[in-house]
Amino acid sequence: MIKHLKVPESEAQNAKDFLDSIGALNTDFLPFKEHGSILWPLNFDVEGELVEMDGIPVTKESRDYRIKLPEEIKDVAPRAFDIFGEIAIIKLPEAIHEYSESIASALIQSNPNVTKAAMDLGVKGPYRVRELNLIGGEPGFVTTHKENGLKFKLDISKVYFSPRLAMERQRLSKLVESGERVLDAFAGAAPFSIILAKSGGKITAVDANPESERWAKENFDLNHIPKSSYEFICSRVEDIVESLGEYDRIIMNNPTKSLDYVHLLTPLVRKGGMIHIYCILPDNQKDEILSTFGYEFELTQMRIVHPYSPATSMMVFDMKKS
């Protein structure tokens, strides 16, 4: 049984190109067509609708890195990992930490674009930065990551960036209209801001991490975003909220704390405007979200972005102000 990404046929080619660009497309298996949808076989989890099913194998050498591992850990090593640029990032159960060098070697050998591997010790601190332990390859965590036709260069050990949100960023870029005023309230390295600016949005990006400001500005330039299309404010959003104006759209991507900021940011949305709030919740739980926003807002869409733990998922709620 392997996981497949299920997409409408109309989006099949874009999905294939995206999965292939990040090394997620499992070329050991064939895609499967089902009732107007295409199911692409995966090397690791990505965001979107995932379906676990028997794969249709092709006669090629497997790219599952686990076939290169010692027999005693093949069945317990995690299949899923992230790729950021040339770095494979993987969470390992403590029981197999001693095998981390073997796992790093297998990851690098199995993925042609990967040159180093890091163990993910969790997102920590006020700036939501991943604590990473290099387990294979040359030292350093600065690399360039390609996504949706854009490039992001940054030190993944010093600034927040989630490769798993690539399809979500693409989704929002299709919703933004030219000239919309957008507040990216917890911007990190500003990937949401950059793709929405490319779609014509006028962006205010806010993050308290000085490293976020450094890399975000470099990436605005790298992607040829004119300075007239954005401003980056290095601050906690709660410290500057009184100086902010009114927005057509607000991005609240701080999954463990977004709900704490709803009362602060909802007054900044114009009537008819949208908030996209990302939260980690038990699957399909929405009552808490709706009660937090109150009668002024209606839920227009709710979707699971990606699994977070066995019992919870990262979810996005699109809320419209009436």
C-alpha atoms as a PDB file:
ATOM      1  CA  MET A   1       0.000   0.000   0.000  1.00  0.00           C
ATOM      2  CA  ILE A   2       1.329   3.432  -0.929  1.00  0.00           C
ATOM      3  CA  LYS A   3      -0.141   6.908  -0.749  1.00  0.00           C
ATOM      4  CA  HIS A   4      -1.409   8.687  -3.859  1.00  0.00           C
ATOM      5  CA  LEU A   5      -2.294  12.349  -4.375  1.00  0.00           C
ATOM      6  CA  LYS A   6      -5.792  12.619  -5.829  1.00  0.00           C
ATOM      7  CA  VAL A   7      -6.413  15.591  -8.138  1.00  0.00           C
ATOM      8  CA  PRO A   8      -9.031  16.449 -10.773  1.00  0.00           C
ATOM      9  CA  GLU A   9      -8.038  15.478 -14.313  1.00  0.00           C
ATOM     10  CA  SER A  10      -7.941  19.160 -15.249  1.00  0.00           C
ATOM     11  CA  GLU A  11      -5.126  19.692 -12.706  1.00  0.00           C
ATOM     12  CA  ALA A  12      -3.295  16.423 -13.392  1.00  0.00           C
ATOM     13  CA  GLN A  13      -0.397  17.802 -15.425  1.00  0.00           C
ATOM     14  CA  ASN A  14       0.266  20.704 -13.048  1.00  0.00           C
ATOM     15  CA  ALA A  15       0.217  18.294 -10.118  1.00  0.00           C
ATOM     16  CA  LYS A  16       2.607  15.898 -11.894  1.00  0.00           C
ATOM     17  CA  ASP A  17       5.043  18.722 -12.701  1.00  0.00           C
ATOM     18  CA  PHE A  18       4.937  19.952  -9.108  1.00  0.00           C
ATOM     19  CA  LEU A  19       5.432  16.500  -7.577  1.00  0.00           C
ATOM     20  CA  ASP A  20       8.272  15.755  -9.952  1.00  0.00           C
ATOM     21  CA  SER A  21       9.995  19.064  -9.151  1.00  0.00           C
ATOM     22  CA  ILE A  22      10.186  18.259  -5.422  1.00  0.00           C
ATOM     23  CA  GLY A  23      11.032  14.571  -5.808  1.00  0.00           C
ATOM     24  CA  ALA A  24       7.653  13.418  -4.476  1.00  0.00           C
ATOM     25  CA  LEU A  25       6.472  11.570  -7.588  1.00  0.00           C
ATOM     26  CA  ASN A  26       7.029   7.834  -7.149  1.00  0.00           C
ATOM     27  CA  THR A  27       8.069   6.687 -10.606  1.00  0.00           C
ATOM     28  CA  ASP A  28       8.109   3.041  -9.525  1.00  0.00           C
ATOM     29  CA  PHE A  29       4.316   3.076  -9.881  1.00  0.00           C
ATOM     30  CA  LEU A  30       1.853   4.188 -12.526  1.00  0.00           C
ATOM     31  CA  PRO A  31      -0.812   6.857 -12.000  1.00  0.00           C
ATOM     32  CA  PHE A  32      -4.376   5.639 -11.592  1.00  0.00           C
ATOM     33  CA  LYS A  33      -7.501   7.129 -13.197  1.00  0.00           C
ATOM     34  CA  GLU A  34     -10.731   7.136 -11.211  1.00  0.00           C
ATOM     35  CA  HIS A  35     -14.051   8.930 -11.885  1.00  0.00           C
ATOM     36  CA  GLY A  36     -12.612  12.125 -13.311  1.00  0.00           C
ATOM     37  CA  SER A  37      -9.582  12.174 -11.029  1.00  0.00           C
ATOM     38  CA  ILE A  38      -5.941  11.155 -11.377  1.00  0.00           C
ATOM     39  CA  LEU A  39      -4.098   9.557  -8.459  1.00  0.00           C
ATOM     40  CA  TRP A  40      -0.336  10.167  -8.539  1.00  0.00           C
ATOM     41  CA  PRO A  41       1.854   7.726  -6.547  1.00  0.00           C
ATOM     42  CA  LEU A  42       4.035   9.392  -3.907  1.00  0.00           C
ATOM     43  CA  ASN A  43       7.489   8.937  -2.415  1.00  0.00           C
ATOM     44  CA  PHE A  44       6.416  10.900   0.667  1.00  0.00           C
ATOM     45  CA  ASP A  45       3.398  12.802   2.000  1.00  0.00           C
ATOM     46  CA  VAL A  46       2.454  16.122   0.453  1.00  0.00           C
ATOM     47  CA  GLU A  47      -0.491  18.377   1.146  1.00  0.00           C
ATOM     48  CA  GLY A  48      -3.781  17.593  -0.546  1.00  0.00           C
ATOM     49  CA  GLU A  49      -6.177  14.662  -0.709  1.00  0.00           C
ATOM     50  CA  LEU A  50      -4.145  11.521  -0.021  1.00  0.00           C
ATOM     51  CA  VAL A  51      -5.449   8.029  -0.802  1.00  0.00           C
ATOM     52  CA  GLU A  52      -3.658   4.896   0.410  1.00  0.00           C
ATOM     53  CA  MET A  53      -3.998   2.001  -2.025  1.00  0.00           C
ATOM     54  CA  ASP A  54      -2.088  -0.766  -3.783  1.00  0.00           C
ATOM     55  CA  GLY A  55       0.270   0.731  -6.333  1.00  0.00           C
ATOM     56  CA  ILE A  56       0.528  -0.322  -9.973  1.00  0.00           C
ATOM     57  CA  PRO A  57       4.246  -1.143 -10.278  1.00  0.00           C
ATOM     58  CA  VAL A  58       6.428  -0.482 -13.293  1.00  0.00           C
ATOM     59  CA  THR A  59       9.623  -2.316 -14.091  1.00  0.00           C
ATOM     60  CA  LYS A  60      12.073   0.181 -12.613  1.00  0.00           C
ATOM     61  CA  GLU A  61      14.384   0.168  -9.617  1.00  0.00           C
ATOM     62  CA  SER A  62      12.505   1.471  -6.569  1.00  0.00           C
ATOM     63  CA  ARG A  63      13.210   4.999  -5.299  1.00  0.00           C
ATOM     64  CA  ASP A  64      12.021   4.140  -1.785  1.00  0.00           C
ATOM     65  CA  TYR A  65      15.132   4.982   0.232  1.00  0.00           C
ATOM     66  CA  ARG A  66      14.273   2.268   2.766  1.00  0.00           C
ATOM     67  CA  ILE A  67      15.364  -0.551   0.446  1.00  0.00           C
ATOM     68  CA  LYS A  68      18.927   0.630   1.029  1.00  0.00           C
ATOM     69  CA  LEU A  69      18.654   0.366   4.839  1.00  0.00           C
ATOM     70  CA  PRO A  70      19.785  -2.486   7.106  1.00  0.00           C
ATOM     71  CA  GLU A  71      17.090  -5.127   7.501  1.00  0.00           C
ATOM     72  CA  GLU A  72      16.589  -4.351  11.202  1.00  0.00           C
ATOM     73  CA  ILE A  73      15.235  -0.834  10.532  1.00  0.00           C
ATOM     74  CA  LYS A  74      13.527  -1.096   7.131  1.00  0.00           C
ATOM     75  CA  ASP A  75      10.100  -1.591   8.645  1.00  0.00           C
ATOM     76  CA  VAL A  76      10.383   1.117  11.313  1.00  0.00           C
ATOM     77  CA  ALA A  77      12.078   3.885   9.330  1.00  0.00           C
ATOM     78  CA  PRO A  78       9.527   6.542   8.291  1.00  0.00           C
ATOM     79  CA  ARG A  79       8.614   6.708   4.627  1.00  0.00           C
ATOM     80  CA  ALA A  80       7.646  10.395   4.713  1.00  0.00           C
ATOM     81  CA  PHE A  81      10.155  13.245   4.644  1.00  0.00           C
ATOM     82  CA  ASP A  82      10.371  16.787   3.292  1.00  0.00           C
ATOM     83  CA  ILE A  83      12.727  18.087   0.654  1.00  0.00           C
ATOM     84  CA  PHE A  84      13.815  21.718   0.826  1.00  0.00           C
ATOM     85  CA  GLY A  85      16.156  22.512  -2.030  1.00  0.00           C
ATOM     86  CA  GLU A  86      18.974  19.991  -1.787  1.00  0.00           C
ATOM     87  CA  ILE A  87      18.180  19.034   1.828  1.00  0.00           C
ATOM     88  CA  ALA A  88      16.082  16.042   2.878  1.00  0.00           C
ATOM     89  CA  ILE A  89      14.456  16.684   6.273  1.00  0.00           C
ATOM     90  CA  ILE A  90      13.139  13.708   8.217  1.00  0.00           C
ATOM     91  CA  LYS A  91      11.663  13.032  11.659  1.00  0.00           C
ATOM     92  CA  LEU A  92      13.070   9.884  13.262  1.00  0.00           C
ATOM     93  CA  PRO A  93      11.749   7.930  16.252  1.00  0.00           C
ATOM     94  CA  GLU A  94      14.234   8.091  19.102  1.00  0.00           C
ATOM     95  CA  ALA A  95      14.664   4.304  18.942  1.00  0.00           C
ATOM     96  CA  ILE A  96      16.421   4.560  15.564  1.00  0.00           C
ATOM     97  CA  HIS A  97      18.522   7.703  16.108  1.00  0.00           C
ATOM     98  CA  GLU A  98      21.607   5.484  16.181  1.00  0.00           C
ATOM     99  CA  TYR A  99      20.926   4.610  12.542  1.00  0.00           C
ATOM    100  CA  SER A 100      20.668   8.241  11.418  1.00  0.00           C
ATOM    101  CA  GLU A 101      23.846   8.148   9.304  1.00  0.00           C
ATOM    102  CA  SER A 102      22.614   5.070   7.415  1.00  0.00           C
ATOM    103  CA  ILE A 103      19.242   6.754   6.849  1.00  0.00           C
ATOM    104  CA  ALA A 104      20.947   9.932   5.603  1.00  0.00           C
ATOM    105  CA  SER A 105      23.074   7.938   3.188  1.00  0.00           C
ATOM    106  CA  ALA A 106      20.009   6.104   1.853  1.00  0.00           C
ATOM    107  CA  LEU A 107      18.077   9.351   1.386  1.00  0.00           C
ATOM    108  CA  ILE A 108      20.925  10.955  -0.551  1.00  0.00           C
ATOM    109  CA  GLN A 109      21.483   7.890  -2.738  1.00  0.00           C
ATOM    110  CA  SER A 110      17.771   7.556  -3.550  1.00  0.00           C
ATOM    111  CA  ASN A 111      17.055  11.181  -4.485  1.00  0.00           C
ATOM    112  CA  PRO A 112      19.251  12.656  -7.222  1.00  0.00           C
ATOM    113  CA  ASN A 113      18.682  16.294  -6.198  1.00  0.00           C
ATOM    114  CA  VAL A 114      19.488  15.705  -2.518  1.00  0.00           C
ATOM    115  CA  THR A 115      23.042  16.286  -1.268  1.00  0.00           C
ATOM    116  CA  LYS A 116      22.491  16.437   2.485  1.00  0.00           C
ATOM    117  CA  ALA A 117      20.057  15.173   5.110  1.00  0.00           C
ATOM    118  CA  ALA A 118      18.889  16.589   8.425  1.00  0.00           C
ATOM    119  CA  MET A 119      16.912  15.208  11.340  1.00  0.00           C
ATOM    120  CA  ASP A 120      13.922  17.369  12.272  1.00  0.00           C
ATOM    121  CA  LEU A 121      13.765  17.854  16.043  1.00  0.00           C
ATOM    122  CA  GLY A 122      10.613  19.957  15.919  1.00  0.00           C
ATOM    123  CA  VAL A 123       9.518  23.575  15.496  1.00  0.00           C
ATOM    124  CA  LYS A 124      10.641  25.529  18.529  1.00  0.00           C
ATOM    125  CA  GLY A 125      10.950  29.012  19.975  1.00  0.00           C
ATOM    126  CA  PRO A 126       9.066  32.268  19.376  1.00  0.00           C
ATOM    127  CA  TYR A 127      10.093  32.384  15.707  1.00  0.00           C
ATOM    128  CA  ARG A 128       8.713  28.870  14.873  1.00  0.00           C
ATOM    129  CA  VAL A 129      12.076  27.637  13.574  1.00  0.00           C
ATOM    130  CA  ARG A 130      12.852  23.969  12.984  1.00  0.00           C
ATOM    131  CA  GLU A 131      15.656  22.607  15.114  1.00  0.00           C
ATOM    132  CA  LEU A 132      17.751  20.571  12.682  1.00  0.00           C
ATOM    133  CA  ASN A 133      20.573  18.113  13.230  1.00  0.00           C
ATOM    134  CA  LEU A 134      22.715  17.446  10.157  1.00  0.00           C
ATOM    135  CA  ILE A 135      23.061  13.684   9.689  1.00  0.00           C
ATOM    136  CA  GLY A 136      24.609  13.553   6.219  1.00  0.00           C
ATOM    137  CA  GLY A 137      26.377  15.824   3.753  1.00  0.00           C
ATOM    138  CA  GLU A 138      28.354  19.031   4.089  1.00  0.00           C
ATOM    139  CA  PRO A 139      27.580  21.474   6.947  1.00  0.00           C
ATOM    140  CA  GLY A 140      25.189  24.357   6.358  1.00  0.00           C
ATOM    141  CA  PHE A 141      21.462  24.792   5.810  1.00  0.00           C
ATOM    142  CA  VAL A 142      21.387  27.531   3.164  1.00  0.00           C
ATOM    143  CA  THR A 143      19.910  26.294  -0.100  1.00  0.00           C
ATOM    144  CA  THR A 144      17.584  27.370  -2.903  1.00  0.00           C
ATOM    145  CA  HIS A 145      14.171  25.749  -3.108  1.00  0.00           C
ATOM    146  CA  LYS A 146      12.031  25.818  -6.279  1.00  0.00           C
ATOM    147  CA  GLU A 147       8.250  25.932  -6.040  1.00  0.00           C
ATOM    148  CA  ASN A 148       5.441  26.984  -8.368  1.00  0.00           C
ATOM    149  CA  GLY A 149       7.912  28.604 -10.753  1.00  0.00           C
ATOM    150  CA  LEU A 150       9.488  30.644  -7.940  1.00  0.00           C
ATOM    151  CA  LYS A 151      12.814  30.383  -6.097  1.00  0.00           C
ATOM    152  CA  PHE A 152      13.350  30.687  -2.351  1.00  0.00           C
ATOM    153  CA  LYS A 153      16.855  30.957  -0.944  1.00  0.00           C
ATOM    154  CA  LEU A 154      17.203  30.799   2.826  1.00  0.00           C
ATOM    155  CA  ASP A 155      18.709  29.119   5.866  1.00  0.00           C
ATOM    156  CA  ILE A 156      16.016  26.603   6.802  1.00  0.00           C
ATOM    157  CA  SER A 157      17.508  26.293  10.312  1.00  0.00           C
ATOM    158  CA  LYS A 158      16.937  30.004  11.050  1.00  0.00           C
ATOM    159  CA  VAL A 159      13.617  30.912   9.431  1.00  0.00           C
ATOM    160  CA  TYR A 160      10.196  29.270   9.095  1.00  0.00           C
ATOM    161  CA  PHE A 161       9.332  27.716   5.724  1.00  0.00           C
ATOM    162  CA  SER A 162       7.127  24.688   5.062  1.00  0.00           C
ATOM    163  CA  PRO A 163       7.566  22.923   1.683  1.00  0.00           C
ATOM    164  CA  ARG A 164       4.300  21.066   2.359  1.00  0.00           C
ATOM    165  CA  LEU A 165       2.288  24.253   1.809  1.00  0.00           C
ATOM    166  CA  ALA A 166       3.283  24.632  -1.853  1.00  0.00           C
ATOM    167  CA  MET A 167      -0.102  23.608  -3.251  1.00  0.00           C
ATOM    168  CA  GLU A 168      -1.901  25.767  -0.688  1.00  0.00           C
ATOM    169  CA  ARG A 169       0.134  28.787  -1.720  1.00  0.00           C
ATOM    170  CA  GLN A 170      -0.711  28.067  -5.335  1.00  0.00           C
ATOM    171  CA  ARG A 171      -4.414  27.800  -4.442  1.00  0.00           C
ATOM    172  CA  LEU A 172      -4.467  31.230  -2.807  1.00  0.00           C
ATOM    173  CA  SER A 173      -2.518  32.786  -5.674  1.00  0.00           C
ATOM    174  CA  LYS A 174      -5.446  31.925  -7.944  1.00  0.00           C
ATOM    175  CA  LEU A 175      -7.912  33.687  -5.630  1.00  0.00           C
ATOM    176  CA  VAL A 176      -6.121  37.028  -5.360  1.00  0.00           C
ATOM    177  CA  GLU A 177      -7.197  39.791  -7.708  1.00  0.00           C
ATOM    178  CA  SER A 178      -4.882  42.502  -8.957  1.00  0.00           C
ATOM    179  CA  GLY A 179      -4.593  45.370  -6.503  1.00  0.00           C
ATOM    180  CA  GLU A 180      -5.891  43.480  -3.470  1.00  0.00           C
ATOM    181  CA  ARG A 181      -4.372  44.566  -0.164  1.00  0.00           C
ATOM    182  CA  VAL A 182      -3.048  41.477   1.608  1.00  0.00           C
ATOM    183  CA  LEU A 183      -1.718  41.101   5.149  1.00  0.00           C
ATOM    184  CA  ASP A 184       0.595  38.119   5.701  1.00  0.00           C
ATOM    185  CA  ALA A 185       0.502  38.212   9.479  1.00  0.00           C
ATOM    186  CA  PHE A 186       3.069  35.502  10.288  1.00  0.00           C
ATOM    187  CA  ALA A 187       5.145  35.656   7.140  1.00  0.00           C
ATOM    188  CA  GLY A 188       8.298  33.700   7.954  1.00  0.00           C
ATOM    189  CA  ALA A 189      10.417  33.813   4.788  1.00  0.00           C
ATOM    190  CA  ALA A 190       7.315  35.240   3.007  1.00  0.00           C
ATOM    191  CA  PRO A 191       6.522  32.485   0.463  1.00  0.00           C
ATOM    192  CA  PHE A 192       2.790  33.333   0.645  1.00  0.00           C
ATOM    193  CA  SER A 193       3.592  37.019   0.194  1.00  0.00           C
ATOM    194  CA  ILE A 194       5.819  36.440  -2.813  1.00  0.00           C
ATOM    195  CA  ILE A 195       3.414  34.244  -4.781  1.00  0.00           C
ATOM    196  CA  LEU A 196       0.477  36.558  -3.982  1.00  0.00           C
ATOM    197  CA  ALA A 197       2.523  39.576  -5.064  1.00  0.00           C
ATOM    198  CA  LYS A 198       3.205  37.752  -8.338  1.00  0.00           C
ATOM    199  CA  SER A 199      -0.580  37.501  -8.727  1.00  0.00           C
ATOM    200  CA  GLY A 200      -0.989  41.254  -8.316  1.00  0.00           C
ATOM    201  CA  GLY A 201      -1.519  41.614  -4.575  1.00  0.00           C
ATOM    202  CA  LYS A 202      -0.219  44.590  -2.591  1.00  0.00           C
ATOM    203  CA  ILE A 203       1.485  42.885   0.331  1.00  0.00           C
ATOM    204  CA  THR A 204       2.192  43.759   3.941  1.00  0.00           C
ATOM    205  CA  ALA A 205       4.346  40.963   5.375  1.00  0.00           C
ATOM    206  CA  VAL A 206       4.926  40.843   9.129  1.00  0.00           C
ATOM    207  CA  ASP A 207       7.292  38.654  11.137  1.00  0.00           C
ATOM    208  CA  ALA A 208       9.327  39.303  14.281  1.00  0.00           C
ATOM    209  CA  ASN A 209      12.324  37.194  13.239  1.00  0.00           C
ATOM    210  CA  PRO A 210      15.146  39.363  11.811  1.00  0.00           C
ATOM    211  CA  GLU A 211      16.254  36.366   9.730  1.00  0.00           C
ATOM    212  CA  SER A 212      12.805  36.311   8.129  1.00  0.00           C
ATOM    213  CA  GLU A 213      13.188  39.925   7.083  1.00  0.00           C
ATOM    214  CA  ARG A 214      16.658  39.263   5.657  1.00  0.00           C
ATOM    215  CA  TRP A 215      15.674  36.258   3.555  1.00  0.00           C
ATOM    216  CA  ALA A 216      12.236  37.557   2.577  1.00  0.00           C
ATOM    217  CA  LYS A 217      13.721  40.721   1.077  1.00  0.00           C
ATOM    218  CA  GLU A 218      16.340  38.685  -0.780  1.00  0.00           C
ATOM    219  CA  ASN A 219      13.620  36.448  -2.195  1.00  0.00           C
ATOM    220  CA  PHE A 220      11.366  39.318  -3.227  1.00  0.00           C
ATOM    221  CA  ASP A 221      14.344  40.502  -5.299  1.00  0.00           C
ATOM    222  CA  LEU A 222      15.193  36.989  -6.513  1.00  0.00           C
ATOM    223  CA  ASN A 223      11.651  36.646  -7.882  1.00  0.00           C
ATOM    224  CA  HIS A 224      11.628  40.138  -9.415  1.00  0.00           C
ATOM    225  CA  ILE A 225       8.892  41.561  -7.176  1.00  0.00           C
ATOM    226  CA  PRO A 226       8.977  45.380  -7.387  1.00  0.00           C
ATOM    227  CA  LYS A 227       9.435  47.163  -4.071  1.00  0.00           C
ATOM    228  CA  SER A 228       6.213  49.069  -4.748  1.00  0.00           C
ATOM    229  CA  SER A 229       4.292  45.769  -4.385  1.00  0.00           C
ATOM    230  CA  TYR A 230       5.281  44.950  -0.803  1.00  0.00           C
ATOM    231  CA  GLU A 231       6.522  46.074   2.548  1.00  0.00           C
ATOM    232  CA  PHE A 232       8.094  43.860   5.214  1.00  0.00           C
ATOM    233  CA  ILE A 233       7.648  44.855   8.857  1.00  0.00           C
ATOM    234  CA  CYS A 234       9.958  43.138  11.328  1.00  0.00           C
ATOM    235  CA  SER A 235       7.711  43.024  14.386  1.00  0.00           C
ATOM    236  CA  ARG A 236       5.154  40.965  16.243  1.00  0.00           C
ATOM    237  CA  VAL A 237       1.828  41.692  14.603  1.00  0.00           C
ATOM    238  CA  GLU A 238       0.209  42.514  17.953  1.00  0.00           C
ATOM    239  CA  ASP A 239       2.714  45.329  18.477  1.00  0.00           C
ATOM    240  CA  ILE A 240       1.816  47.147  15.247  1.00  0.00           C
ATOM    241  CA  VAL A 241      -1.839  46.274  14.732  1.00  0.00           C
ATOM    242  CA  GLU A 242      -2.997  49.818  15.515  1.00  0.00           C
ATOM    243  CA  SER A 243      -0.849  51.206  12.696  1.00  0.00           C
ATOM    244  CA  LEU A 244      -2.153  48.750  10.103  1.00  0.00           C
ATOM    245  CA  GLY A 245      -4.956  49.622   7.724  1.00  0.00           C
ATOM    246  CA  GLU A 246      -7.798  47.684   6.142  1.00  0.00           C
ATOM    247  CA  TYR A 247      -7.174  44.591   4.034  1.00  0.00           C
ATOM    248  CA  ASP A 248      -8.990  42.579   1.394  1.00  0.00           C
ATOM    249  CA  ARG A 249      -7.307  39.364   2.507  1.00  0.00           C
ATOM    250  CA  ILE A 250      -5.399  38.210   5.592  1.00  0.00           C
ATOM    251  CA  ILE A 251      -3.184  35.107   5.805  1.00  0.00           C
ATOM    252  CA  MET A 252      -2.917  33.635   9.324  1.00  0.00           C
ATOM    253  CA  ASN A 253      -0.354  30.841   9.028  1.00  0.00           C
ATOM    254  CA  ASN A 254       0.638  30.203  12.640  1.00  0.00           C
ATOM    255  CA  PRO A 255      -1.039  26.813  13.098  1.00  0.00           C
ATOM    256  CA  THR A 256      -0.540  26.339  16.833  1.00  0.00           C
ATOM    257  CA  LYS A 257      -1.495  29.918  17.773  1.00  0.00           C
ATOM    258  CA  SER A 258      -3.634  31.408  14.991  1.00  0.00           C
ATOM    259  CA  LEU A 259      -6.847  31.240  17.038  1.00  0.00           C
ATOM    260  CA  ASP A 260      -5.294  33.503  19.679  1.00  0.00           C
ATOM    261  CA  TYR A 261      -5.092  36.313  17.118  1.00  0.00           C
ATOM    262  CA  VAL A 262      -8.575  36.164  15.629  1.00  0.00           C
ATOM    263  CA  HIS A 263      -9.972  38.947  17.854  1.00  0.00           C
ATOM    264  CA  LEU A 264      -6.979  41.117  16.980  1.00  0.00           C
ATOM    265  CA  LEU A 265      -7.021  40.744  13.201  1.00  0.00           C
ATOM    266  CA  THR A 266     -10.686  40.388  12.229  1.00  0.00           C
ATOM    267  CA  PRO A 267     -11.329  44.149  12.574  1.00  0.00           C
ATOM    268  CA  LEU A 268      -8.735  44.734   9.834  1.00  0.00           C
ATOM    269  CA  VAL A 269     -10.746  42.865   7.179  1.00  0.00           C
ATOM    270  CA  ARG A 270     -13.029  44.916   4.965  1.00  0.00           C
ATOM    271  CA  LYS A 271     -16.604  43.789   4.370  1.00  0.00           C
ATOM    272  CA  GLY A 272     -16.526  41.071   1.736  1.00  0.00           C
ATOM    273  CA  GLY A 273     -12.879  40.376   2.522  1.00  0.00           C
ATOM    274  CA  MET A 274     -11.311  37.019   3.417  1.00  0.00           C
ATOM    275  CA  ILE A 275      -9.236  35.476   6.167  1.00  0.00           C
ATOM    276  CA  HIS A 276      -7.379  32.224   5.523  1.00  0.00           C
ATOM    277  CA  ILE A 277      -6.578  30.734   8.907  1.00  0.00           C
ATOM    278  CA  TYR A 278      -4.395  27.653   9.402  1.00  0.00           C
ATOM    279  CA  CYS A 279      -4.910  25.536  12.512  1.00  0.00           C
ATOM    280  CA  ILE A 280      -3.886  22.139  13.843  1.00  0.00           C
ATOM    281  CA  LEU A 281      -7.069  20.349  14.881  1.00  0.00           C
ATOM    282  CA  PRO A 282      -8.672  16.911  15.028  1.00  0.00           C
ATOM    283  CA  ASP A 283      -9.926  16.060  11.536  1.00  0.00           C
ATOM    284  CA  ASN A 284     -13.149  17.833  10.495  1.00  0.00           C
ATOM    285  CA  GLN A 285     -13.522  19.761  13.758  1.00  0.00           C
ATOM    286  CA  LYS A 286     -14.818  23.214  12.895  1.00  0.00           C
ATOM    287  CA  ASP A 287     -17.110  24.348  15.726  1.00  0.00           C
ATOM    288  CA  GLU A 288     -14.286  26.030  17.635  1.00  0.00           C
ATOM    289  CA  ILE A 289     -13.271  28.011  14.559  1.00  0.00           C
ATOM    290  CA  LEU A 290     -16.786  29.214  13.775  1.00  0.00           C
ATOM    291  CA  SER A 291     -17.504  30.229  17.362  1.00  0.00           C
ATOM    292  CA  THR A 292     -14.217  32.159  17.540  1.00  0.00           C
ATOM    293  CA  PHE A 293     -15.052  34.223  14.443  1.00  0.00           C
ATOM    294  CA  GLY A 294     -18.664  34.926  15.345  1.00  0.00           C
ATOM    295  CA  TYR A 295     -21.665  36.001  13.280  1.00  0.00           C
ATOM    296  CA  GLU A 296     -19.812  38.524  11.050  1.00  0.00           C
ATOM    297  CA  PHE A 297     -17.973  35.744   9.239  1.00  0.00           C
ATOM    298  CA  GLU A 298     -19.131  32.784   7.183  1.00  0.00           C
ATOM    299  CA  LEU A 299     -17.123  29.688   6.332  1.00  0.00           C
ATOM    300  CA  THR A 300     -16.716  29.408   2.547  1.00  0.00           C
ATOM    301  CA  GLN A 301     -14.293  26.482   2.466  1.00  0.00           C
ATOM    302  CA  MET A 302     -12.573  24.100   4.865  1.00  0.00           C
ATOM    303  CA  ARG A 303      -9.902  21.623   3.810  1.00  0.00           C
ATOM    304  CA  ILE A 304      -7.232  19.383   5.257  1.00  0.00           C
ATOM    305  CA  VAL A 305      -3.836  20.685   4.163  1.00  0.00           C
ATOM    306  CA  HIS A 306      -1.797  17.731   5.402  1.00  0.00           C
ATOM    307  CA  PRO A 307      -1.718  15.245   8.291  1.00  0.00           C
ATOM    308  CA  TYR A 308       0.091  16.491  11.399  1.00  0.00           C
ATOM    309  CA  SER A 309      -0.178  13.553  13.793  1.00  0.00           C
ATOM    310  CA  PRO A 310      -2.207  10.334  13.953  1.00  0.00           C
ATOM    311  CA  ALA A 311      -5.117  12.246  15.501  1.00  0.00           C
ATOM    312  CA  THR A 312      -4.774  15.749  14.024  1.00  0.00           C
ATOM    313  CA  SER A 313      -4.257  17.573  10.742  1.00  0.00           C
ATOM    314  CA  MET A 314      -3.259  21.019   9.630  1.00  0.00           C
ATOM    315  CA  MET A 315      -6.476  22.541   8.318  1.00  0.00           C
ATOM    316  CA  VAL A 316      -7.298  25.773   6.525  1.00  0.00           C
ATOM    317  CA  PHE A 317     -10.561  27.685   6.938  1.00  0.00           C
ATOM    318  CA  ASP A 318     -11.522  30.351   4.395  1.00  0.00           C
ATOM    319  CA  MET A 319     -13.664  32.873   6.271  1.00  0.00           C
ATOM    320  CA  LYS A 320     -15.564  35.689   4.530  1.00  0.00           C
ATOM    321  CA  LYS A 321     -16.638  38.864   6.304  1.00  0.00           C
ATOM    322  CA  SER A 322     -20.242  39.749   5.587  1.00  0.00           C
END
